[in-house]
Amino acid sequence: MDTTTLIKQPIRTEMEIFERKFHSSMSSKVALLNRITYYIVNRKGKQMRPMFVFLTAKMISGGDVLERTYRGALVIELIHTATLVHDDVVDDSNRRRGFFSINALWKNKIAVLVGDYLLSKGLLLSIDNGDFDLLKIISVAVREMSEGELLQIEKARRLDITEAVYYEIIRQKTATLIAACCALAACSVKPDDKQLIEDMRKFGELIGMAFQIKDDLFDYSEEAIGKPTGIDIKEQKMTLPLIHVLNNCTSKEKSWLINSIKNHNKDKKRVKEVIQFVKDQNGLAYAEKKMFEFQQQALALLEKFPNSDYKKALILMVNYVIERKK
């Protein structure tokens, strides 16, 4: 049994109900929209975000989930899907999870409108049911994700990202949505326990940070596809291994690195040299160390909860985030 199936074991029923609800939450009177949302639903990913919602809620409540929990998971998944559709337009990407992206099949204009539709569906689901506490959590996440993307664009132009700025970018871009999943789960079952909601938000944030650093490492790793890809370097994305090396090498090496990324990022041989240099200067080892620190801090936040299948599955999920091969 693969790890994701194991993680889903204690929430199998909830995930099946969620699937049906997610499908119907997208329905529209517009045939074109239904055709596109049907395409989206049938090409879903691992659904890590709803898994975080149900496992966190059940761990906290001792096994119960409420209708509110389902609505929270739906809002997260609708908004996450909207951001993916918009991201593909922003990145001019034609593929998503091995399939054609919405913008590749239906063009940018339709893709942007579909993203807007999914976003509004998610927000209305909360408003129509009076889940204003859940709506606040998710709205903060949407704002931060936009800010994180723009901060990255602003900094990428100058290639002057410090480690602190990098953490702020990935906290907003990636970690904030996983933080919202866990905070929202806690809020759905224990709306009055502010400390618990904050602890779970922090838990999700720490996992999100570890998750993004793992993604950064894939650019240098030969595990997934047999050779390092260097895609981040080609796209002039400043990731943790590179930032660490830039901030700790000689000024001569630094100007060579910056020149390579700015002016030779399409030169395969030069990109390979940059990858090797980052490895030799312990960039990967440093990033791995930071990733494990975030993971350990996240696991420490679960210690106060009694042992249960849900807690075990969450621990498995935290470990899976940093052990995954793709």
C-alpha atoms as a PDB file:
ATOM      1  CA  MET A   1       0.000   0.000   0.000  1.00  0.00           C
ATOM      2  CA  ASP A   2       1.466   3.378  -0.959  1.00  0.00           C
ATOM      3  CA  THR A   3       1.886   6.154   1.618  1.00  0.00           C
ATOM      4  CA  THR A   4      -1.014   8.337   0.443  1.00  0.00           C
ATOM      5  CA  THR A   5      -3.417   5.350   0.657  1.00  0.00           C
ATOM      6  CA  LEU A   6      -2.161   4.659   4.198  1.00  0.00           C
ATOM      7  CA  ILE A   7      -2.661   8.304   5.188  1.00  0.00           C
ATOM      8  CA  LYS A   8      -6.209   8.245   3.777  1.00  0.00           C
ATOM      9  CA  GLN A   9      -7.198   5.070   5.695  1.00  0.00           C
ATOM     10  CA  PRO A  10      -8.730   6.808   8.771  1.00  0.00           C
ATOM     11  CA  ILE A  11     -10.601   9.355   6.608  1.00  0.00           C
ATOM     12  CA  ARG A  12     -11.663   7.134   3.711  1.00  0.00           C
ATOM     13  CA  THR A  13     -15.384   7.736   4.263  1.00  0.00           C
ATOM     14  CA  GLU A  14     -14.917  11.502   4.628  1.00  0.00           C
ATOM     15  CA  MET A  15     -12.846  11.661   1.428  1.00  0.00           C
ATOM     16  CA  GLU A  16     -15.525   9.750  -0.526  1.00  0.00           C
ATOM     17  CA  ILE A  17     -18.265  12.108   0.714  1.00  0.00           C
ATOM     18  CA  PHE A  18     -15.979  15.060  -0.017  1.00  0.00           C
ATOM     19  CA  GLU A  19     -15.450  13.858  -3.620  1.00  0.00           C
ATOM     20  CA  ARG A  20     -19.210  13.893  -4.262  1.00  0.00           C
ATOM     21  CA  LYS A  21     -19.658  17.279  -2.600  1.00  0.00           C
ATOM     22  CA  PHE A  22     -16.714  18.763  -4.506  1.00  0.00           C
ATOM     23  CA  HIS A  23     -18.158  17.625  -7.810  1.00  0.00           C
ATOM     24  CA  SER A  24     -21.588  19.150  -7.114  1.00  0.00           C
ATOM     25  CA  SER A  25     -20.083  22.365  -5.636  1.00  0.00           C
ATOM     26  CA  MET A  26     -18.765  23.286  -9.083  1.00  0.00           C
ATOM     27  CA  SER A  27     -22.023  22.861 -10.998  1.00  0.00           C
ATOM     28  CA  SER A  28     -23.283  25.705 -13.166  1.00  0.00           C
ATOM     29  CA  LYS A  29     -26.059  26.455 -15.679  1.00  0.00           C
ATOM     30  CA  VAL A  30     -23.380  27.172 -18.297  1.00  0.00           C
ATOM     31  CA  ALA A  31     -22.565  24.050 -20.337  1.00  0.00           C
ATOM     32  CA  LEU A  32     -19.016  25.209 -21.194  1.00  0.00           C
ATOM     33  CA  LEU A  33     -18.243  25.754 -17.517  1.00  0.00           C
ATOM     34  CA  ASN A  34     -19.553  22.298 -16.607  1.00  0.00           C
ATOM     35  CA  ARG A  35     -17.395  20.746 -19.312  1.00  0.00           C
ATOM     36  CA  ILE A  36     -14.294  22.492 -17.950  1.00  0.00           C
ATOM     37  CA  THR A  37     -15.006  21.721 -14.279  1.00  0.00           C
ATOM     38  CA  TYR A  38     -15.658  18.065 -15.198  1.00  0.00           C
ATOM     39  CA  TYR A  39     -12.205  18.047 -16.841  1.00  0.00           C
ATOM     40  CA  ILE A  40     -10.690  19.551 -13.653  1.00  0.00           C
ATOM     41  CA  VAL A  41     -12.387  17.059 -11.293  1.00  0.00           C
ATOM     42  CA  ASN A  42     -11.209  14.075 -13.324  1.00  0.00           C
ATOM     43  CA  ARG A  43      -7.582  15.216 -13.235  1.00  0.00           C
ATOM     44  CA  LYS A  44      -7.251  15.958  -9.549  1.00  0.00           C
ATOM     45  CA  GLY A  45      -3.981  15.560  -7.668  1.00  0.00           C
ATOM     46  CA  LYS A  46      -3.298  13.820  -4.362  1.00  0.00           C
ATOM     47  CA  GLN A  47      -5.807  16.111  -2.559  1.00  0.00           C
ATOM     48  CA  MET A  48      -3.397  16.760   0.286  1.00  0.00           C
ATOM     49  CA  ARG A  49      -5.302  19.842   1.445  1.00  0.00           C
ATOM     50  CA  PRO A  50      -8.657  18.149   2.201  1.00  0.00           C
ATOM     51  CA  MET A  51      -6.678  15.319   3.807  1.00  0.00           C
ATOM     52  CA  PHE A  52      -5.078  17.852   6.177  1.00  0.00           C
ATOM     53  CA  VAL A  53      -8.522  19.287   6.984  1.00  0.00           C
ATOM     54  CA  PHE A  54     -10.165  15.943   7.866  1.00  0.00           C
ATOM     55  CA  LEU A  55      -7.193  14.443   9.728  1.00  0.00           C
ATOM     56  CA  THR A  56      -6.686  17.605  11.825  1.00  0.00           C
ATOM     57  CA  ALA A  57     -10.408  17.931  12.633  1.00  0.00           C
ATOM     58  CA  LYS A  58     -10.711  14.255  13.617  1.00  0.00           C
ATOM     59  CA  MET A  59      -7.537  14.292  15.722  1.00  0.00           C
ATOM     60  CA  ILE A  60      -8.828  17.325  17.655  1.00  0.00           C
ATOM     61  CA  SER A  61     -12.427  16.165  18.074  1.00  0.00           C
ATOM     62  CA  GLY A  62     -11.670  12.513  18.801  1.00  0.00           C
ATOM     63  CA  GLY A  63     -13.063  11.280  15.497  1.00  0.00           C
ATOM     64  CA  ASP A  64     -15.929  13.630  14.629  1.00  0.00           C
ATOM     65  CA  VAL A  65     -16.341  15.845  11.610  1.00  0.00           C
ATOM     66  CA  LEU A  66     -19.175  18.310  11.155  1.00  0.00           C
ATOM     67  CA  GLU A  67     -20.914  19.616   8.040  1.00  0.00           C
ATOM     68  CA  ARG A  68     -18.848  22.750   8.661  1.00  0.00           C
ATOM     69  CA  THR A  69     -15.667  20.688   8.271  1.00  0.00           C
ATOM     70  CA  TYR A  70     -16.790  19.508   4.846  1.00  0.00           C
ATOM     71  CA  ARG A  71     -17.581  23.071   3.835  1.00  0.00           C
ATOM     72  CA  GLY A  72     -14.145  24.176   5.034  1.00  0.00           C
ATOM     73  CA  ALA A  73     -12.449  21.439   2.972  1.00  0.00           C
ATOM     74  CA  LEU A  74     -14.540  22.397  -0.076  1.00  0.00           C
ATOM     75  CA  VAL A  75     -13.660  26.088   0.201  1.00  0.00           C
ATOM     76  CA  ILE A  76      -9.950  25.241   0.444  1.00  0.00           C
ATOM     77  CA  GLU A  77     -10.050  22.908  -2.562  1.00  0.00           C
ATOM     78  CA  LEU A  78     -12.115  25.304  -4.695  1.00  0.00           C
ATOM     79  CA  ILE A  79      -9.732  28.161  -3.955  1.00  0.00           C
ATOM     80  CA  HIS A  80      -6.638  25.987  -4.395  1.00  0.00           C
ATOM     81  CA  THR A  81      -7.969  24.823  -7.785  1.00  0.00           C
ATOM     82  CA  ALA A  82      -8.691  28.444  -8.769  1.00  0.00           C
ATOM     83  CA  THR A  83      -5.106  29.442  -7.939  1.00  0.00           C
ATOM     84  CA  LEU A  84      -3.697  26.537 -10.002  1.00  0.00           C
ATOM     85  CA  VAL A  85      -5.789  27.576 -13.023  1.00  0.00           C
ATOM     86  CA  HIS A  86      -4.595  31.186 -12.630  1.00  0.00           C
ATOM     87  CA  ASP A  87      -0.972  30.070 -12.027  1.00  0.00           C
ATOM     88  CA  ASP A  88      -0.907  28.230 -15.352  1.00  0.00           C
ATOM     89  CA  VAL A  89      -1.963  31.457 -17.088  1.00  0.00           C
ATOM     90  CA  VAL A  90       0.645  33.510 -15.190  1.00  0.00           C
ATOM     91  CA  ASP A  91       3.403  30.956 -15.919  1.00  0.00           C
ATOM     92  CA  ASP A  92       2.227  30.407 -19.506  1.00  0.00           C
ATOM     93  CA  SER A  93       2.202  26.697 -18.715  1.00  0.00           C
ATOM     94  CA  ASN A  94       0.575  24.154 -21.047  1.00  0.00           C
ATOM     95  CA  ARG A  95       0.711  21.159 -18.696  1.00  0.00           C
ATOM     96  CA  ARG A  96      -0.646  20.449 -15.245  1.00  0.00           C
ATOM     97  CA  ARG A  97      -0.094  17.027 -13.574  1.00  0.00           C
ATOM     98  CA  GLY A  98       0.793  15.491 -16.934  1.00  0.00           C
ATOM     99  CA  PHE A  99      -2.383  16.734 -18.664  1.00  0.00           C
ATOM    100  CA  PHE A 100      -3.093  19.813 -20.734  1.00  0.00           C
ATOM    101  CA  SER A 101      -3.812  22.878 -18.586  1.00  0.00           C
ATOM    102  CA  ILE A 102      -7.104  24.775 -18.888  1.00  0.00           C
ATOM    103  CA  ASN A 103      -5.427  27.676 -20.700  1.00  0.00           C
ATOM    104  CA  ALA A 104      -3.816  25.274 -23.186  1.00  0.00           C
ATOM    105  CA  LEU A 105      -7.199  23.791 -24.118  1.00  0.00           C
ATOM    106  CA  TRP A 106      -9.533  26.774 -23.752  1.00  0.00           C
ATOM    107  CA  LYS A 107      -7.151  29.788 -23.908  1.00  0.00           C
ATOM    108  CA  ASN A 108      -6.196  32.346 -21.244  1.00  0.00           C
ATOM    109  CA  LYS A 109      -9.404  34.381 -21.244  1.00  0.00           C
ATOM    110  CA  ILE A 110     -11.566  31.370 -20.373  1.00  0.00           C
ATOM    111  CA  ALA A 111      -9.004  30.050 -17.869  1.00  0.00           C
ATOM    112  CA  VAL A 112      -8.988  33.364 -15.938  1.00  0.00           C
ATOM    113  CA  LEU A 113     -12.802  33.427 -15.855  1.00  0.00           C
ATOM    114  CA  VAL A 114     -12.964  29.796 -14.681  1.00  0.00           C
ATOM    115  CA  GLY A 115     -10.494  30.617 -11.896  1.00  0.00           C
ATOM    116  CA  ASP A 116     -12.645  33.586 -10.873  1.00  0.00           C
ATOM    117  CA  TYR A 117     -15.762  31.383 -10.930  1.00  0.00           C
ATOM    118  CA  LEU A 118     -14.166  28.752  -8.637  1.00  0.00           C
ATOM    119  CA  LEU A 119     -12.950  31.472  -6.258  1.00  0.00           C
ATOM    120  CA  SER A 120     -16.429  33.013  -6.006  1.00  0.00           C
ATOM    121  CA  LYS A 121     -18.013  29.563  -5.534  1.00  0.00           C
ATOM    122  CA  GLY A 122     -15.724  28.939  -2.566  1.00  0.00           C
ATOM    123  CA  LEU A 123     -16.382  32.318  -0.953  1.00  0.00           C
ATOM    124  CA  LEU A 124     -20.167  32.052  -1.450  1.00  0.00           C
ATOM    125  CA  LEU A 125     -20.217  28.594   0.109  1.00  0.00           C
ATOM    126  CA  SER A 126     -18.915  30.140   3.353  1.00  0.00           C
ATOM    127  CA  ILE A 127     -21.158  33.225   3.185  1.00  0.00           C
ATOM    128  CA  ASP A 128     -24.348  31.267   2.419  1.00  0.00           C
ATOM    129  CA  ASN A 129     -23.767  29.077   5.483  1.00  0.00           C
ATOM    130  CA  GLY A 130     -22.657  31.867   7.830  1.00  0.00           C
ATOM    131  CA  ASP A 131     -19.141  30.393   8.208  1.00  0.00           C
ATOM    132  CA  PHE A 132     -17.593  33.842   8.611  1.00  0.00           C
ATOM    133  CA  ASP A 133     -14.818  32.577  10.912  1.00  0.00           C
ATOM    134  CA  LEU A 134     -13.760  30.051   8.253  1.00  0.00           C
ATOM    135  CA  LEU A 135     -14.099  32.700   5.545  1.00  0.00           C
ATOM    136  CA  LYS A 136     -11.697  35.008   7.394  1.00  0.00           C
ATOM    137  CA  ILE A 137      -9.057  32.255   7.610  1.00  0.00           C
ATOM    138  CA  ILE A 138      -9.244  31.475   3.893  1.00  0.00           C
ATOM    139  CA  SER A 139      -9.428  35.145   2.831  1.00  0.00           C
ATOM    140  CA  VAL A 140      -6.179  35.899   4.702  1.00  0.00           C
ATOM    141  CA  ALA A 141      -4.581  32.960   2.866  1.00  0.00           C
ATOM    142  CA  VAL A 142      -5.729  34.245  -0.552  1.00  0.00           C
ATOM    143  CA  ARG A 143      -4.333  37.713   0.205  1.00  0.00           C
ATOM    144  CA  GLU A 144      -0.995  36.295   1.363  1.00  0.00           C
ATOM    145  CA  MET A 145      -0.637  34.006  -1.646  1.00  0.00           C
ATOM    146  CA  SER A 146      -1.027  37.007  -3.983  1.00  0.00           C
ATOM    147  CA  GLU A 147       1.467  39.049  -1.937  1.00  0.00           C
ATOM    148  CA  GLY A 148       3.966  36.172  -1.936  1.00  0.00           C
ATOM    149  CA  GLU A 149       3.820  35.790  -5.715  1.00  0.00           C
ATOM    150  CA  LEU A 150       4.342  39.532  -6.237  1.00  0.00           C
ATOM    151  CA  LEU A 151       7.157  39.684  -3.676  1.00  0.00           C
ATOM    152  CA  GLN A 152       8.927  36.867  -5.511  1.00  0.00           C
ATOM    153  CA  ILE A 153       8.542  38.631  -8.877  1.00  0.00           C
ATOM    154  CA  GLU A 154       9.859  41.886  -7.400  1.00  0.00           C
ATOM    155  CA  LYS A 155      12.896  40.219  -5.808  1.00  0.00           C
ATOM    156  CA  ALA A 156      13.665  37.871  -8.720  1.00  0.00           C
ATOM    157  CA  ARG A 157      14.407  40.843 -10.953  1.00  0.00           C
ATOM    158  CA  ARG A 158      17.251  41.925  -8.712  1.00  0.00           C
ATOM    159  CA  LEU A 159      18.489  38.524  -7.503  1.00  0.00           C
ATOM    160  CA  ASP A 160      19.101  40.005  -4.050  1.00  0.00           C
ATOM    161  CA  ILE A 161      16.972  37.720  -1.911  1.00  0.00           C
ATOM    162  CA  THR A 162      18.125  37.191   1.660  1.00  0.00           C
ATOM    163  CA  GLU A 163      17.224  34.019   3.520  1.00  0.00           C
ATOM    164  CA  ALA A 164      14.661  35.940   5.605  1.00  0.00           C
ATOM    165  CA  VAL A 165      12.914  37.278   2.480  1.00  0.00           C
ATOM    166  CA  TYR A 166      12.946  33.785   0.944  1.00  0.00           C
ATOM    167  CA  TYR A 167      11.172  32.360   4.022  1.00  0.00           C
ATOM    168  CA  GLU A 168       8.596  35.146   3.818  1.00  0.00           C
ATOM    169  CA  ILE A 169       7.975  34.364   0.121  1.00  0.00           C
ATOM    170  CA  ILE A 170       7.470  30.634   0.671  1.00  0.00           C
ATOM    171  CA  ARG A 171       5.422  31.240   3.836  1.00  0.00           C
ATOM    172  CA  GLN A 172       3.003  33.344   1.812  1.00  0.00           C
ATOM    173  CA  LYS A 173       3.122  31.471  -1.496  1.00  0.00           C
ATOM    174  CA  THR A 174       2.962  27.870  -0.284  1.00  0.00           C
ATOM    175  CA  ALA A 175       2.715  27.505   3.486  1.00  0.00           C
ATOM    176  CA  THR A 176      -0.218  29.863   4.050  1.00  0.00           C
ATOM    177  CA  LEU A 177      -2.714  27.570   2.288  1.00  0.00           C
ATOM    178  CA  ILE A 178      -1.663  24.482   4.278  1.00  0.00           C
ATOM    179  CA  ALA A 179      -1.777  26.650   7.431  1.00  0.00           C
ATOM    180  CA  ALA A 180      -5.320  27.663   6.459  1.00  0.00           C
ATOM    181  CA  CYS A 181      -6.310  23.966   6.057  1.00  0.00           C
ATOM    182  CA  CYS A 182      -5.226  23.121   9.592  1.00  0.00           C
ATOM    183  CA  ALA A 183      -6.562  26.322  11.220  1.00  0.00           C
ATOM    184  CA  LEU A 184      -9.854  25.920   9.392  1.00  0.00           C
ATOM    185  CA  ALA A 185     -10.129  22.270  10.512  1.00  0.00           C
ATOM    186  CA  ALA A 186      -9.613  23.273  14.158  1.00  0.00           C
ATOM    187  CA  CYS A 187     -12.046  26.185  13.819  1.00  0.00           C
ATOM    188  CA  SER A 188     -14.710  23.933  12.261  1.00  0.00           C
ATOM    189  CA  VAL A 189     -14.878  21.667  15.338  1.00  0.00           C
ATOM    190  CA  LYS A 190     -13.614  23.933  18.171  1.00  0.00           C
ATOM    191  CA  PRO A 191     -14.495  27.500  17.051  1.00  0.00           C
ATOM    192  CA  ASP A 192     -13.964  29.048  20.512  1.00  0.00           C
ATOM    193  CA  ASP A 193     -10.501  27.630  21.224  1.00  0.00           C
ATOM    194  CA  LYS A 194      -8.340  30.417  19.785  1.00  0.00           C
ATOM    195  CA  GLN A 195      -5.040  28.929  21.039  1.00  0.00           C
ATOM    196  CA  LEU A 196      -5.797  25.551  19.450  1.00  0.00           C
ATOM    197  CA  ILE A 197      -6.674  27.225  16.122  1.00  0.00           C
ATOM    198  CA  GLU A 198      -3.411  29.216  16.231  1.00  0.00           C
ATOM    199  CA  ASP A 199      -1.358  26.092  17.127  1.00  0.00           C
ATOM    200  CA  MET A 200      -2.854  24.212  14.189  1.00  0.00           C
ATOM    201  CA  ARG A 201      -2.267  27.182  11.871  1.00  0.00           C
ATOM    202  CA  LYS A 202       1.397  27.169  12.922  1.00  0.00           C
ATOM    203  CA  PHE A 203       1.566  23.397  12.436  1.00  0.00           C
ATOM    204  CA  GLY A 204       0.323  23.753   8.847  1.00  0.00           C
ATOM    205  CA  GLU A 205       2.662  26.660   8.172  1.00  0.00           C
ATOM    206  CA  LEU A 206       5.728  24.695   9.298  1.00  0.00           C
ATOM    207  CA  ILE A 207       4.786  21.730   7.091  1.00  0.00           C
ATOM    208  CA  GLY A 208       4.239  24.108   4.175  1.00  0.00           C
ATOM    209  CA  MET A 209       7.735  25.563   4.653  1.00  0.00           C
ATOM    210  CA  ALA A 210       9.279  22.071   4.681  1.00  0.00           C
ATOM    211  CA  PHE A 211       7.187  21.135   1.627  1.00  0.00           C
ATOM    212  CA  GLN A 212       8.494  24.069  -0.429  1.00  0.00           C
ATOM    213  CA  ILE A 213      12.131  23.481   0.523  1.00  0.00           C
ATOM    214  CA  LYS A 214      11.708  19.859  -0.595  1.00  0.00           C
ATOM    215  CA  ASP A 215      10.423  21.196  -3.935  1.00  0.00           C
ATOM    216  CA  ASP A 216      13.516  23.419  -4.178  1.00  0.00           C
ATOM    217  CA  LEU A 217      15.754  20.400  -3.652  1.00  0.00           C
ATOM    218  CA  PHE A 218      14.143  18.496  -6.533  1.00  0.00           C
ATOM    219  CA  ASP A 219      15.777  20.946  -8.934  1.00  0.00           C
ATOM    220  CA  TYR A 220      19.163  19.546  -7.858  1.00  0.00           C
ATOM    221  CA  SER A 221      18.110  15.959  -7.277  1.00  0.00           C
ATOM    222  CA  GLU A 222      18.648  13.032  -9.618  1.00  0.00           C
ATOM    223  CA  GLU A 223      16.074  10.799  -7.889  1.00  0.00           C
ATOM    224  CA  ALA A 224      12.857  11.812  -9.598  1.00  0.00           C
ATOM    225  CA  ILE A 225      13.892  11.794 -13.255  1.00  0.00           C
ATOM    226  CA  GLY A 226      17.460  10.514 -13.298  1.00  0.00           C
ATOM    227  CA  LYS A 227      19.119  13.909 -13.805  1.00  0.00           C
ATOM    228  CA  PRO A 228      18.976  17.344 -12.148  1.00  0.00           C
ATOM    229  CA  THR A 229      16.596  19.616 -14.041  1.00  0.00           C
ATOM    230  CA  GLY A 230      17.855  23.093 -13.188  1.00  0.00           C
ATOM    231  CA  ILE A 231      14.421  24.467 -14.119  1.00  0.00           C
ATOM    232  CA  ASP A 232      14.448  26.952 -11.228  1.00  0.00           C
ATOM    233  CA  ILE A 233      17.818  28.269 -12.396  1.00  0.00           C
ATOM    234  CA  LYS A 234      16.569  28.568 -15.992  1.00  0.00           C
ATOM    235  CA  GLU A 235      13.565  30.546 -14.697  1.00  0.00           C
ATOM    236  CA  GLN A 236      15.811  32.697 -12.457  1.00  0.00           C
ATOM    237  CA  LYS A 237      13.984  31.486  -9.339  1.00  0.00           C
ATOM    238  CA  MET A 238      15.957  32.058  -6.165  1.00  0.00           C
ATOM    239  CA  THR A 239      15.699  28.922  -4.019  1.00  0.00           C
ATOM    240  CA  LEU A 240      17.233  28.151  -0.623  1.00  0.00           C
ATOM    241  CA  PRO A 241      20.297  26.126  -1.776  1.00  0.00           C
ATOM    242  CA  LEU A 242      21.249  28.928  -4.172  1.00  0.00           C
ATOM    243  CA  ILE A 243      20.542  31.763  -1.704  1.00  0.00           C
ATOM    244  CA  HIS A 244      22.686  30.108   0.977  1.00  0.00           C
ATOM    245  CA  VAL A 245      25.621  29.696  -1.431  1.00  0.00           C
ATOM    246  CA  LEU A 246      25.263  33.260  -2.820  1.00  0.00           C
ATOM    247  CA  ASN A 247      25.419  34.660   0.700  1.00  0.00           C
ATOM    248  CA  ASN A 248      28.418  32.563   1.739  1.00  0.00           C
ATOM    249  CA  CYS A 249      30.786  32.494  -1.245  1.00  0.00           C
ATOM    250  CA  THR A 250      33.542  34.906  -2.300  1.00  0.00           C
ATOM    251  CA  SER A 251      32.612  38.078  -4.190  1.00  0.00           C
ATOM    252  CA  LYS A 252      34.247  36.638  -7.340  1.00  0.00           C
ATOM    253  CA  GLU A 253      32.177  33.452  -7.108  1.00  0.00           C
ATOM    254  CA  LYS A 254      29.085  35.512  -6.363  1.00  0.00           C
ATOM    255  CA  SER A 255      29.439  37.645  -9.494  1.00  0.00           C
ATOM    256  CA  TRP A 256      30.011  34.460 -11.557  1.00  0.00           C
ATOM    257  CA  LEU A 257      26.847  32.935 -10.093  1.00  0.00           C
ATOM    258  CA  ILE A 258      24.714  36.043 -10.658  1.00  0.00           C
ATOM    259  CA  ASN A 259      26.063  36.425 -14.202  1.00  0.00           C
ATOM    260  CA  SER A 260      25.284  32.741 -14.878  1.00  0.00           C
ATOM    261  CA  ILE A 261      21.689  33.078 -13.665  1.00  0.00           C
ATOM    262  CA  LYS A 262      21.041  36.419 -15.357  1.00  0.00           C
ATOM    263  CA  ASN A 263      22.763  35.925 -18.699  1.00  0.00           C
ATOM    264  CA  HIS A 264      23.494  32.213 -19.191  1.00  0.00           C
ATOM    265  CA  ASN A 265      20.441  30.554 -17.633  1.00  0.00           C
ATOM    266  CA  LYS A 266      19.529  28.872 -20.969  1.00  0.00           C
ATOM    267  CA  ASP A 267      23.040  27.456 -21.449  1.00  0.00           C
ATOM    268  CA  LYS A 268      22.783  23.785 -20.381  1.00  0.00           C
ATOM    269  CA  LYS A 269      26.506  23.439 -19.648  1.00  0.00           C
ATOM    270  CA  ARG A 270      26.537  26.597 -17.500  1.00  0.00           C
ATOM    271  CA  VAL A 271      23.381  25.545 -15.614  1.00  0.00           C
ATOM    272  CA  LYS A 272      25.058  22.186 -14.909  1.00  0.00           C
ATOM    273  CA  GLU A 273      28.116  24.034 -13.556  1.00  0.00           C
ATOM    274  CA  VAL A 274      25.884  26.156 -11.282  1.00  0.00           C
ATOM    275  CA  ILE A 275      24.157  23.007  -9.960  1.00  0.00           C
ATOM    276  CA  GLN A 276      27.532  21.383  -9.233  1.00  0.00           C
ATOM    277  CA  PHE A 277      28.857  24.546  -7.562  1.00  0.00           C
ATOM    278  CA  VAL A 278      25.777  24.778  -5.292  1.00  0.00           C
ATOM    279  CA  LYS A 279      26.268  21.107  -4.329  1.00  0.00           C
ATOM    280  CA  ASP A 280      29.996  21.566  -3.662  1.00  0.00           C
ATOM    281  CA  GLN A 281      29.329  24.614  -1.471  1.00  0.00           C
ATOM    282  CA  ASN A 282      26.908  22.602   0.751  1.00  0.00           C
ATOM    283  CA  GLY A 283      23.813  24.435  -0.522  1.00  0.00           C
ATOM    284  CA  LEU A 284      21.767  21.222  -0.570  1.00  0.00           C
ATOM    285  CA  ALA A 285      22.953  20.033   2.834  1.00  0.00           C
ATOM    286  CA  TYR A 286      22.044  23.410   4.338  1.00  0.00           C
ATOM    287  CA  ALA A 287      18.556  23.415   2.756  1.00  0.00           C
ATOM    288  CA  GLU A 288      17.952  19.846   3.969  1.00  0.00           C
ATOM    289  CA  LYS A 289      18.957  20.832   7.502  1.00  0.00           C
ATOM    290  CA  LYS A 290      16.435  23.711   7.448  1.00  0.00           C
ATOM    291  CA  MET A 291      13.725  21.430   6.039  1.00  0.00           C
ATOM    292  CA  PHE A 292      14.220  18.938   8.888  1.00  0.00           C
ATOM    293  CA  GLU A 293      14.084  21.778  11.432  1.00  0.00           C
ATOM    294  CA  PHE A 294      10.663  22.859  10.141  1.00  0.00           C
ATOM    295  CA  GLN A 295       9.501  19.230  10.156  1.00  0.00           C
ATOM    296  CA  GLN A 296      10.600  18.682  13.782  1.00  0.00           C
ATOM    297  CA  GLN A 297       8.914  21.913  14.930  1.00  0.00           C
ATOM    298  CA  ALA A 298       5.677  20.770  13.246  1.00  0.00           C
ATOM    299  CA  LEU A 299       5.810  17.320  14.890  1.00  0.00           C
ATOM    300  CA  ALA A 300       6.422  18.923  18.307  1.00  0.00           C
ATOM    301  CA  LEU A 301       3.051  20.701  18.015  1.00  0.00           C
ATOM    302  CA  LEU A 302       1.285  17.323  17.798  1.00  0.00           C
ATOM    303  CA  GLU A 303       2.823  15.931  20.978  1.00  0.00           C
ATOM    304  CA  LYS A 304       0.050  17.228  23.282  1.00  0.00           C
ATOM    305  CA  PHE A 305      -2.676  15.278  21.443  1.00  0.00           C
ATOM    306  CA  PRO A 306      -3.548  11.737  22.576  1.00  0.00           C
ATOM    307  CA  ASN A 307      -2.492   8.899  20.273  1.00  0.00           C
ATOM    308  CA  SER A 308      -5.038   8.028  17.592  1.00  0.00           C
ATOM    309  CA  ASP A 309      -5.174   6.767  14.024  1.00  0.00           C
ATOM    310  CA  TYR A 310      -5.687  10.376  12.901  1.00  0.00           C
ATOM    311  CA  LYS A 311      -2.597  11.616  14.733  1.00  0.00           C
ATOM    312  CA  LYS A 312      -0.542   8.719  13.335  1.00  0.00           C
ATOM    313  CA  ALA A 313      -1.742   9.541   9.806  1.00  0.00           C
ATOM    314  CA  LEU A 314      -0.855  13.239  10.286  1.00  0.00           C
ATOM    315  CA  ILE A 315       2.655  12.286  11.457  1.00  0.00           C
ATOM    316  CA  LEU A 316       2.945  10.021   8.414  1.00  0.00           C
ATOM    317  CA  MET A 317       1.852  12.949   6.247  1.00  0.00           C
ATOM    318  CA  VAL A 318       4.430  15.308   7.751  1.00  0.00           C
ATOM    319  CA  ASN A 319       7.136  12.726   7.048  1.00  0.00           C
ATOM    320  CA  TYR A 320       5.775  12.056   3.552  1.00  0.00           C
ATOM    321  CA  VAL A 321       6.090  15.783   2.709  1.00  0.00           C
ATOM    322  CA  ILE A 322       9.868  15.608   3.034  1.00  0.00           C
ATOM    323  CA  GLU A 323      10.439  12.005   1.924  1.00  0.00           C
ATOM    324  CA  ARG A 324       8.377  12.134  -1.298  1.00  0.00           C
ATOM    325  CA  LYS A 325      10.153  11.414  -4.553  1.00  0.00           C
ATOM    326  CA  LYS A 326       8.239  13.940  -6.693  1.00  0.00           C
END
